C-alpha atoms as a PDB file:
ATOM      1  CA  MET A   1       4.927   8.110 -11.256  1.00  0.00           C
ATOM      2  CA  PRO A   2       6.031   4.505 -11.841  1.00  0.00           C
ATOM      3  CA  GLN A   3       3.427   1.965 -12.844  1.00  0.00           C
ATOM      4  CA  ILE A   4       2.918  -1.227 -10.837  1.00  0.00           C
ATOM      5  CA  HIS A   5       1.877  -4.463 -12.380  1.00  0.00           C
ATOM      6  CA  TYR A   6       0.494  -7.899 -11.512  1.00  0.00           C
ATOM      7  CA  GLY A   7       3.011 -10.015  -9.516  1.00  0.00           C
ATOM      8  CA  GLU A   8       5.196  -7.080  -8.398  1.00  0.00           C
ATOM      9  CA  LYS A   9       5.953  -6.544  -4.714  1.00  0.00           C
ATOM     10  CA  VAL A  10       5.059  -3.439  -2.690  1.00  0.00           C
ATOM     11  CA  ASP A  11       5.435  -2.371   0.909  1.00  0.00           C
ATOM     12  CA  VAL A  12       2.219  -1.161   2.530  1.00  0.00           C
ATOM     13  CA  TRP A  13       2.486   1.865   4.757  1.00  0.00           C
ATOM     14  CA  MET A  14      -0.119   3.594   6.879  1.00  0.00           C
ATOM     15  CA  THR A  15      -0.112   7.165   8.056  1.00  0.00           C
ATOM     16  CA  PRO A  16      -2.689   7.818  10.756  1.00  0.00           C
ATOM     17  CA  SER A  17      -5.049  10.701  10.020  1.00  0.00           C
ATOM     18  CA  LEU A  18      -7.162  13.073  12.111  1.00  0.00           C
ATOM     19  CA  ASP A  19     -10.238  11.408  10.688  1.00  0.00           C
ATOM     20  CA  GLY A  20      -9.233   7.972  11.897  1.00  0.00           C
ATOM     21  CA  VAL A  21      -9.290   6.350  15.334  1.00  0.00           C
ATOM     22  CA  ALA A  22      -5.440   6.430  15.706  1.00  0.00           C
ATOM     23  CA  LEU A  23      -3.650   9.620  16.777  1.00  0.00           C
ATOM     24  CA  PRO A  24      -1.800  11.429  13.971  1.00  0.00           C
ATOM     25  CA  GLY A  25       1.759  10.287  13.772  1.00  0.00           C
ATOM     26  CA  PRO A  26       4.476   9.011  11.493  1.00  0.00           C
ATOM     27  CA  ALA A  27       3.994   6.539   8.735  1.00  0.00           C
ATOM     28  CA  THR A  28       4.338   2.836   9.740  1.00  0.00           C
ATOM     29  CA  LEU A  29       5.198  -0.136   7.588  1.00  0.00           C
ATOM     30  CA  ILE A  30       2.307  -2.540   8.203  1.00  0.00           C
ATOM     31  CA  ILE A  31       2.755  -5.174   5.435  1.00  0.00           C
ATOM     32  CA  PRO A  32       6.144  -5.743   3.836  1.00  0.00           C
ATOM     33  CA  GLY A  33       6.329  -7.447   0.478  1.00  0.00           C
ATOM     34  CA  ALA A  34       2.660  -7.612  -0.512  1.00  0.00           C
ATOM     35  CA  VAL A  35       2.085  -8.875  -4.054  1.00  0.00           C
ATOM     36  CA  ILE A  36       0.005  -6.941  -6.575  1.00  0.00           C
ATOM     37  CA  ALA A  37      -3.054  -8.972  -7.718  1.00  0.00           C
ATOM     38  CA  SER A  38      -4.482  -6.184  -9.952  1.00  0.00           C
ATOM     39  CA  ALA A  39      -3.753  -2.535 -10.789  1.00  0.00           C
ATOM     40  CA  PRO A  40      -5.218  -0.007 -13.115  1.00  0.00           C
ATOM     41  CA  GLU A  41      -3.561   0.480 -16.521  1.00  0.00           C
ATOM     42  CA  VAL A  42      -3.311   4.182 -16.028  1.00  0.00           C
ATOM     43  CA  VAL A  43      -2.732   5.988 -12.688  1.00  0.00           C
ATOM     44  CA  ASP A  44      -3.694   9.657 -12.155  1.00  0.00           C
ATOM     45  CA  SER A  45      -1.437  11.084  -9.519  1.00  0.00           C
ATOM     46  CA  GLY A  46      -4.131  13.579  -8.578  1.00  0.00           C
ATOM     47  CA  MET A  47      -6.649  10.959  -7.589  1.00  0.00           C
ATOM     48  CA  ASP A  48      -6.856   7.982  -5.237  1.00  0.00           C
ATOM     49  CA  THR A  49      -6.119   4.757  -7.012  1.00  0.00           C
ATOM     50  CA  SER A  50      -7.591   1.317  -6.084  1.00  0.00           C
ATOM     51  CA  VAL A  51      -5.168  -1.572  -6.186  1.00  0.00           C
ATOM     52  CA  THR A  52      -5.709  -5.191  -5.111  1.00  0.00           C
ATOM     53  CA  ILE A  53      -2.952  -6.866  -3.159  1.00  0.00           C
ATOM     54  CA  LEU A  54      -2.456 -10.448  -1.977  1.00  0.00           C
ATOM     55  CA  VAL A  55      -1.963 -10.680   1.793  1.00  0.00           C
ATOM     56  CA  SER A  56      -1.994 -13.564   4.267  1.00  0.00           C
ATOM     57  CA  GLN A  57      -5.123 -14.156   6.323  1.00  0.00           C
ATOM     58  CA  ASP A  58      -3.446 -12.834   9.488  1.00  0.00           C
ATOM     59  CA  GLN A  59      -2.671  -9.558   7.713  1.00  0.00           C
ATOM     60  CA  VAL A  60      -6.259  -8.868   6.649  1.00  0.00           C
ATOM     61  CA  GLN A  61      -7.355  -7.364   9.929  1.00  0.00           C
ATOM     62  CA  VAL A  62      -4.276  -5.153  10.221  1.00  0.00           C
ATOM     63  CA  LEU A  63      -4.868  -3.808   6.640  1.00  0.00           C
ATOM     64  CA  VAL A  64      -8.594  -3.228   7.158  1.00  0.00           C
ATOM     65  CA  GLN A  65      -8.051  -1.459  10.498  1.00  0.00           C
ATOM     66  CA  ALA A  66      -5.240   0.672   8.831  1.00  0.00           C
ATOM     67  CA  MET A  67      -7.601   1.658   6.017  1.00  0.00           C
ATOM     68  CA  ARG A  68     -10.057   2.957   8.655  1.00  0.00           C
ATOM     69  CA  ASP A  69      -7.432   4.744  10.746  1.00  0.00           C
ATOM     70  CA  GLY A  70      -5.391   6.580   8.146  1.00  0.00           C
ATOM     71  CA  VAL A  71      -3.918   6.901   4.631  1.00  0.00           C
ATOM     72  CA  ILE A  72      -2.517   3.871   2.846  1.00  0.00           C
ATOM     73  CA  ASP A  73       0.512   4.189   0.557  1.00  0.00           C
ATOM     74  CA  LEU A  74       2.166   1.551  -1.476  1.00  0.00           C
ATOM     75  CA  VAL A  75       5.940   1.594  -2.105  1.00  0.00           C
ATOM     76  CA  ALA A  76       7.315  -0.339  -5.030  1.00  0.00           C
ATOM     77  CA  ILE A  77      10.051  -2.842  -4.276  1.00  0.00           C
ATOM     78  CA  PRO A  78      12.627  -2.660  -7.066  1.00  0.00           C
ATOM     79  CA  VAL A  79      13.276  -6.023  -8.833  1.00  0.00           C
ATOM     80  CA  SER A  80      16.903  -7.222  -8.992  1.00  0.00           C
ATOM     81  CA  GLY A  81      18.819  -4.983 -11.359  1.00  0.00           C
ATOM     82  CA  ASN A  82      16.539  -2.032 -10.868  1.00  0.00           C
ATOM     83  CA  GLU A  83      17.721  -0.902  -7.487  1.00  0.00           C
ATOM     84  CA  LEU A  84      17.463   2.738  -6.739  1.00  0.00           C
END
């Protein structure tokens, strides 16, 4: 599992869950290009991980609602020269 660090960009995806308000369905990109503000030094792939991202004020409501309605995943955006 790749590590993410301060200043790197990630896309934020939400997959609705049965526990949330939204109907289960496919993952949706909710915030493209969010910037990592802080991340743990070590990530255990078997546990949830808390990461702080910087988002604009108009994205806060979208993110908070998505956190209530489903599962949030961050997808690292490769930096130039590190494309997949």
